[in-house]
C-alpha atoms as a PDB file:
ATOM      1  CA  MET A   1     -83.249  96.991 -71.736  1.00  0.00           C
ATOM      2  CA  LYS A   2     -84.802  94.415 -68.809  1.00  0.00           C
ATOM      3  CA  LYS A   3     -83.149  90.922 -68.558  1.00  0.00           C
ATOM      4  CA  SER A   4     -86.200  89.371 -69.239  1.00  0.00           C
ATOM      5  CA  THR A   5     -86.488  90.924 -72.690  1.00  0.00           C
ATOM      6  CA  PHE A   6     -82.813  89.991 -73.347  1.00  0.00           C
ATOM      7  CA  CYS A   7     -83.753  86.734 -72.784  1.00  0.00           C
ATOM      8  CA  SER A   8     -86.789  86.359 -74.518  1.00  0.00           C
ATOM      9  CA  LEU A   9     -85.083  87.805 -77.911  1.00  0.00           C
ATOM     10  CA  ALA A  10     -82.645  85.413 -77.746  1.00  0.00           C
ATOM     11  CA  VAL A  11     -84.881  82.939 -77.895  1.00  0.00           C
ATOM     12  CA  ALA A  12     -87.337  84.593 -80.554  1.00  0.00           C
ATOM     13  CA  LEU A  13     -84.325  84.843 -82.765  1.00  0.00           C
ATOM     14  CA  PHE A  14     -83.496  81.541 -82.430  1.00  0.00           C
ATOM     15  CA  GLY A  15     -86.382  80.139 -82.796  1.00  0.00           C
ATOM     16  CA  LEU A  16     -87.084  82.833 -85.690  1.00  0.00           C
ATOM     17  CA  ALA A  17     -83.909  81.078 -87.490  1.00  0.00           C
ATOM     18  CA  CYS A  18     -85.570  77.464 -86.805  1.00  0.00           C
ATOM     19  CA  VAL A  19     -88.571  78.296 -88.506  1.00  0.00           C
ATOM     20  CA  VAL A  20     -86.601  80.073 -91.482  1.00  0.00           C
ATOM     21  CA  GLY A  21     -84.135  77.135 -91.601  1.00  0.00           C
ATOM     22  CA  GLY A  22     -86.517  74.546 -91.687  1.00  0.00           C
ATOM     23  CA  ALA A  23     -88.964  75.642 -94.476  1.00  0.00           C
ATOM     24  CA  ILE A  24     -85.687  76.232 -96.609  1.00  0.00           C
ATOM     25  CA  GLY A  25     -84.384  72.651 -95.390  1.00  0.00           C
ATOM     26  CA  TYR A  26     -87.697  71.700 -96.639  1.00  0.00           C
ATOM     27  CA  LEU A  27     -87.668  73.635-100.100  1.00  0.00           C
ATOM     28  CA  LYS A  28     -84.410  72.734-100.960  1.00  0.00           C
ATOM     29  CA  ALA A  29     -84.035  68.867 -99.865  1.00  0.00           C
ATOM     30  CA  ASN A  30     -87.560  67.717 -99.731  1.00  0.00           C
ATOM     31  CA  SER A  31     -86.397  67.158 -95.709  1.00  0.00           C
ATOM     32  CA  LEU A  32     -89.581  66.144 -93.751  1.00  0.00           C
ATOM     33  CA  PRO A  33     -87.555  66.212 -90.598  1.00  0.00           C
ATOM     34  CA  SER A  34     -86.329  69.556 -91.517  1.00  0.00           C
ATOM     35  CA  LEU A  35     -89.588  70.952 -91.496  1.00  0.00           C
ATOM     36  CA  LEU A  36     -91.017  69.338 -88.512  1.00  0.00           C
ATOM     37  CA  VAL A  37     -88.078  69.899 -86.299  1.00  0.00           C
ATOM     38  CA  GLY A  38     -87.157  73.886 -87.879  1.00  0.00           C
ATOM     39  CA  CYS A  39     -90.592  74.809 -88.434  1.00  0.00           C
ATOM     40  CA  GLY A  40     -92.265  73.330 -85.364  1.00  0.00           C
ATOM     41  CA  GLY A  41     -89.555  73.795 -82.632  1.00  0.00           C
ATOM     42  CA  GLY A  42     -89.365  76.753 -83.806  1.00  0.00           C
ATOM     43  CA  PHE A  43     -93.332  77.892 -82.911  1.00  0.00           C
ATOM     44  CA  VAL A  44     -92.289  76.591 -79.973  1.00  0.00           C
ATOM     45  CA  LEU A  45     -89.411  78.960 -79.373  1.00  0.00           C
ATOM     46  CA  LEU A  46     -91.418  82.018 -80.419  1.00  0.00           C
ATOM     47  CA  PHE A  47     -94.022  80.802 -77.800  1.00  0.00           C
ATOM     48  CA  CYS A  48     -91.907  79.945 -75.107  1.00  0.00           C
ATOM     49  CA  ALA A  49     -90.020  83.495 -75.610  1.00  0.00           C
ATOM     50  CA  ARG A  50     -93.431  85.148 -75.334  1.00  0.00           C
ATOM     51  CA  LYS A  51     -93.913  83.313 -72.123  1.00  0.00           C
ATOM     52  CA  ILE A  52     -90.661  84.183 -70.853  1.00  0.00           C
ATOM     53  CA  LYS A  53     -90.869  87.690 -71.179  1.00  0.00           C
ATOM     54  CA  HIS A  54     -93.927  87.834 -68.938  1.00  0.00           C
ATOM     55  CA  GLY A  55     -92.036  85.740 -66.566  1.00  0.00           C
ATOM     56  CA  SER A  56     -92.624  81.835 -67.205  1.00  0.00           C
ATOM     57  CA  ARG A  57     -89.733  79.075 -65.822  1.00  0.00           C
ATOM     58  CA  TYR A  58     -91.461  76.544 -67.614  1.00  0.00           C
ATOM     59  CA  ALA A  59     -91.201  77.992 -70.611  1.00  0.00           C
ATOM     60  CA  ALA A  60     -87.473  79.060 -70.041  1.00  0.00           C
ATOM     61  CA  LEU A  61     -86.783  75.286 -69.223  1.00  0.00           C
ATOM     62  CA  ILE A  62     -88.620  74.317 -72.325  1.00  0.00           C
ATOM     63  CA  ALA A  63     -86.555  76.413 -74.386  1.00  0.00           C
ATOM     64  CA  LEU A  64     -83.438  75.503 -72.647  1.00  0.00           C
ATOM     65  CA  PHE A  65     -83.951  71.924 -73.673  1.00  0.00           C
ATOM     66  CA  LEU A  66     -85.038  72.791 -77.034  1.00  0.00           C
ATOM     67  CA  THR A  67     -81.838  75.086 -77.806  1.00  0.00           C
ATOM     68  CA  THR A  68     -80.059  72.384 -76.383  1.00  0.00           C
ATOM     69  CA  ALA A  69     -81.253  69.398 -78.573  1.00  0.00           C
ATOM     70  CA  ILE A  70     -81.277  71.799 -81.339  1.00  0.00           C
ATOM     71  CA  GLY A  71     -77.933  73.152 -81.180  1.00  0.00           C
ATOM     72  CA  LEU A  72     -76.361  69.764 -80.261  1.00  0.00           C
ATOM     73  CA  ARG A  73     -77.911  68.456 -83.652  1.00  0.00           C
ATOM     74  CA  PHE A  74     -76.231  71.258 -85.811  1.00  0.00           C
ATOM     75  CA  LEU A  75     -73.125  70.248 -83.778  1.00  0.00           C
ATOM     76  CA  VAL A  76     -72.950  66.812 -84.791  1.00  0.00           C
ATOM     77  CA  SER A  77     -73.789  67.542 -88.369  1.00  0.00           C
ATOM     78  CA  PHE A  78     -71.160  70.196 -88.436  1.00  0.00           C
ATOM     79  CA  ILE A  79     -68.406  67.504 -87.087  1.00  0.00           C
ATOM     80  CA  GLU A  80     -70.123  65.007 -89.554  1.00  0.00           C
ATOM     81  CA  THR A  81     -69.701  67.273 -93.172  1.00  0.00           C
ATOM     82  CA  HIS A  82     -67.594  70.250 -91.998  1.00  0.00           C
ATOM     83  CA  LYS A  83     -69.873  72.546 -93.436  1.00  0.00           C
ATOM     84  CA  LEU A  84     -69.806  75.995 -91.817  1.00  0.00           C
ATOM     85  CA  VAL A  85     -73.251  77.168 -93.205  1.00  0.00           C
ATOM     86  CA  PRO A  86     -75.734  76.598 -91.538  1.00  0.00           C
ATOM     87  CA  HIS A  87     -74.070  74.829 -88.863  1.00  0.00           C
ATOM     88  CA  LEU A  88     -71.895  77.513 -87.352  1.00  0.00           C
ATOM     89  CA  PRO A  89     -74.220  80.276 -87.511  1.00  0.00           C
ATOM     90  CA  MET A  90     -77.025  78.134 -86.020  1.00  0.00           C
ATOM     91  CA  MET A  91     -74.756  76.642 -83.116  1.00  0.00           C
ATOM     92  CA  GLY A  92     -74.389  80.598 -82.339  1.00  0.00           C
ATOM     93  CA  LEU A  93     -77.749  81.656 -81.960  1.00  0.00           C
ATOM     94  CA  ALA A  94     -78.413  78.271 -80.327  1.00  0.00           C
ATOM     95  CA  LEU A  95     -75.858  79.374 -77.575  1.00  0.00           C
ATOM     96  CA  LEU A  96     -76.739  82.771 -77.242  1.00  0.00           C
ATOM     97  CA  ALA A  97     -80.668  81.359 -76.696  1.00  0.00           C
ATOM     98  CA  PHE A  98     -79.408  78.890 -74.211  1.00  0.00           C
ATOM     99  CA  PHE A  99     -77.652  81.500 -72.240  1.00  0.00           C
ATOM    100  CA  GLY A 100     -80.667  83.322 -72.754  1.00  0.00           C
ATOM    101  CA  ALA A 101     -83.127  81.025 -71.625  1.00  0.00           C
ATOM    102  CA  VAL A 102     -80.680  79.810 -68.410  1.00  0.00           C
ATOM    103  CA  GLN A 103     -81.029  83.409 -67.354  1.00  0.00           C
ATOM    104  CA  ALA A 104     -84.700  83.456 -67.620  1.00  0.00           C
ATOM    105  CA  ALA A 105     -84.643  80.468 -65.107  1.00  0.00           C
ATOM    106  CA  LYS A 106     -82.414  82.269 -62.912  1.00  0.00           C
ATOM    107  CA  LEU A 107     -84.307  85.380 -62.760  1.00  0.00           C
ATOM    108  CA  ARG A 108     -88.067  83.534 -62.335  1.00  0.00           C
ATOM    109  CA  LYS A 109     -86.412  81.369 -59.236  1.00  0.00           C
ATOM    110  CA  LYS A 110     -84.896  84.807 -57.873  1.00  0.00           C
ATOM    111  CA  ALA A 111     -87.925  86.335 -57.756  1.00  0.00           C
ATOM    112  CA  ARG A 112     -89.837  83.537 -56.041  1.00  0.00           C
ATOM    113  CA  ALA A 113     -87.502  83.192 -53.367  1.00  0.00           C
END
């Protein structure tokens, strides 16, 4: 498996989890922020994953920003509530996507040099 495929897969997996989580959060708690950030950010991550697979460094940087922001949001929420689900799985996926986005940004930088 090529590194770019792994990177895009990691970002896509987190994006899909965000979309599903945002929809569930909206349906269970009627939370509009869950819908906007979860689904909106998730769809952007899915789009970035597709672009990362084709070698876009900008998509990797956008994915890096989003995974950091969403992952930190789950970390803060976990510290406040001490609930394992959904915080720990989402933080784990965010970490995986973060490293995938970092690797994708490095791959593109090396390809240009």
